[in-house]
């Protein structure tokens, strides 16, 4: 079994599907539900307002957005930008166009055709 310290509270826990301990995971789920409910009733809210009204830390809200758990209708209100091209995004770390381009490049690099080795025989005696 693999153990690690929780990055949020420092507690030792058995690492599994989550990156945080069970206590912090439960607290994150509660915070997520609060933020989601607030944004559903206040779709024009900005990051600072959402954090202030919900009592949830800005960094936690940004983690929800970056992980893809939370999507905002107007990304410019939260200052979320593609890490590659800088275009406003609603969730994640890259825009759909950059994601498509990056996945195509990865596919090209990992395709079996790209890893073949060819040997040319010269004047075999």
Protein backbone atom coordinates (compact mmCIF):
# COMPACT_ATOMS: atom_id res chain seq x y z
CA UNK A 1 0.00 0.00 0.00
CA UNK A 2 1.31 3.46 -0.91
CA UNK A 3 1.11 6.18 1.75
CA UNK A 4 1.55 9.91 1.35
CA UNK A 5 0.88 13.16 3.15
CA UNK A 6 -2.20 15.18 2.24
CA UNK A 7 -1.13 18.38 0.44
CA UNK A 8 -3.94 20.32 2.15
CA UNK A 9 -3.69 19.28 5.81
CA UNK A 10 -0.50 17.21 6.01
CA UNK A 11 -2.21 14.07 7.37
CA UNK A 12 -0.81 10.67 6.36
CA UNK A 13 -3.24 8.63 4.25
CA UNK A 14 -3.33 5.63 1.92
CA UNK A 15 -2.96 7.03 -1.58
CA UNK A 16 -5.63 5.94 -3.99
CA UNK A 17 -7.80 7.61 -6.57
CA UNK A 18 -7.72 10.98 -4.76
CA UNK A 19 -4.72 13.23 -4.15
CA UNK A 20 -6.01 14.33 -0.75
CA UNK A 21 -6.95 12.52 2.48
CA UNK A 22 -10.56 11.33 2.98
CA UNK A 23 -11.32 14.18 5.44
CA UNK A 24 -10.13 16.87 2.99
CA UNK A 25 -11.88 15.08 0.11
CA UNK A 26 -15.19 15.24 2.01
CA UNK A 27 -14.61 18.93 2.80
CA UNK A 28 -13.74 19.60 -0.87
CA UNK A 29 -16.95 17.87 -1.99
CA UNK A 30 -19.00 20.04 0.38
CA UNK A 31 -17.24 23.19 -0.86
CA UNK A 32 -17.79 22.12 -4.45
CA UNK A 33 -21.53 21.69 -3.86
CA UNK A 34 -21.73 25.17 -2.26
CA UNK A 35 -19.83 26.84 -5.12
CA UNK A 36 -21.82 24.98 -7.79
CA UNK A 37 -25.15 25.99 -6.20
CA UNK A 38 -24.01 29.62 -5.90
CA UNK A 39 -22.89 29.80 -9.53
CA UNK A 40 -26.14 28.22 -10.73
CA UNK A 41 -28.11 30.96 -8.98
CA UNK A 42 -25.58 33.73 -9.80
CA UNK A 43 -24.17 32.96 -13.28
CA UNK A 44 -22.62 36.44 -13.64
CA UNK A 45 -20.58 36.18 -10.41
CA UNK A 46 -16.83 36.76 -10.57
CA UNK A 47 -14.21 34.71 -8.73
CA UNK A 48 -13.74 37.11 -5.80
CA UNK A 49 -17.49 37.49 -5.26
CA UNK A 50 -18.00 33.72 -5.41
CA UNK A 51 -15.22 33.13 -2.87
CA UNK A 52 -16.56 35.83 -0.55
CA UNK A 53 -20.21 34.77 -0.71
CA UNK A 54 -19.56 31.02 -0.38
CA UNK A 55 -16.70 31.15 2.10
CA UNK A 56 -14.66 28.89 -0.19
CA UNK A 57 -11.02 29.79 -0.84
CA UNK A 58 -10.18 31.23 -4.31
CA UNK A 59 -7.55 28.51 -4.81
CA UNK A 60 -10.11 25.77 -4.12
CA UNK A 61 -12.49 27.27 -6.69
CA UNK A 62 -9.68 27.49 -9.24
CA UNK A 63 -8.78 23.83 -8.49
CA UNK A 64 -12.39 22.85 -9.27
CA UNK A 65 -12.17 24.72 -12.57
CA UNK A 66 -8.72 23.41 -13.55
CA UNK A 67 -9.66 19.81 -12.76
CA UNK A 68 -12.75 20.02 -14.97
CA UNK A 69 -15.23 19.43 -12.13
CA UNK A 70 -16.66 22.92 -12.48
CA UNK A 71 -17.47 24.81 -15.69
CA UNK A 72 -18.34 28.50 -15.81
CA UNK A 73 -20.47 30.06 -18.51
CA UNK A 74 -18.34 33.20 -18.91
CA UNK A 75 -14.67 32.28 -18.42
CA UNK A 76 -13.48 35.88 -18.65
CA UNK A 77 -15.23 36.55 -15.30
CA UNK A 78 -12.89 34.08 -13.60
CA UNK A 79 -9.72 35.02 -15.44
CA UNK A 80 -9.20 31.48 -16.70
CA UNK A 81 -6.93 31.36 -19.75
CA UNK A 82 -5.44 28.61 -21.89
CA UNK A 83 -1.90 27.94 -20.67
CA UNK A 84 -0.77 27.52 -24.26
CA UNK A 85 -2.38 30.34 -26.25
CA UNK A 86 -3.92 32.59 -23.57
CA UNK A 87 -7.49 32.39 -24.91
CA UNK A 88 -10.26 32.48 -22.23
CA UNK A 89 -11.42 29.00 -21.18
CA UNK A 90 -14.35 27.78 -19.09
CA UNK A 91 -12.58 24.78 -17.51
CA UNK A 92 -9.37 22.79 -17.59
CA UNK A 93 -5.94 24.13 -18.51
CA UNK A 94 -6.01 24.39 -22.31
CA UNK A 95 -8.65 25.48 -24.83
CA UNK A 96 -10.35 22.85 -27.03
CA UNK A 97 -8.32 23.91 -30.08
CA UNK A 98 -4.98 23.52 -28.29
CA UNK A 99 -6.14 20.23 -26.74
CA UNK A 100 -6.99 18.90 -30.19
CA UNK A 101 -3.62 19.98 -31.60
CA UNK A 102 -1.70 18.53 -28.65
CA UNK A 103 -3.53 15.21 -28.80
CA UNK A 104 -2.78 15.01 -32.53
CA UNK A 105 0.92 15.59 -31.87
CA UNK A 106 0.94 12.96 -29.13
CA UNK A 107 -0.84 10.51 -31.42
CA UNK A 108 1.76 11.14 -34.14
CA UNK A 109 4.63 10.59 -31.72
CA UNK A 110 3.20 7.39 -30.26
CA UNK A 111 1.97 5.80 -33.48
CA UNK A 112 3.68 2.52 -34.41
CA UNK A 113 4.58 3.92 -37.80
CA UNK A 114 6.71 6.65 -36.22
CA UNK A 115 8.79 4.16 -34.24
CA UNK A 116 9.77 1.78 -37.05
CA UNK A 117 13.40 1.30 -37.94
CA UNK A 118 14.32 0.67 -41.53
CA UNK A 119 17.50 -1.09 -42.61
CA UNK A 120 18.87 -0.69 -46.07
CA UNK A 121 21.00 -3.51 -47.36
CA UNK A 122 23.99 -2.36 -49.37
CA UNK A 123 25.80 -4.72 -51.73
CA UNK A 124 25.11 -7.93 -49.96
CA UNK A 125 27.72 -10.53 -50.96
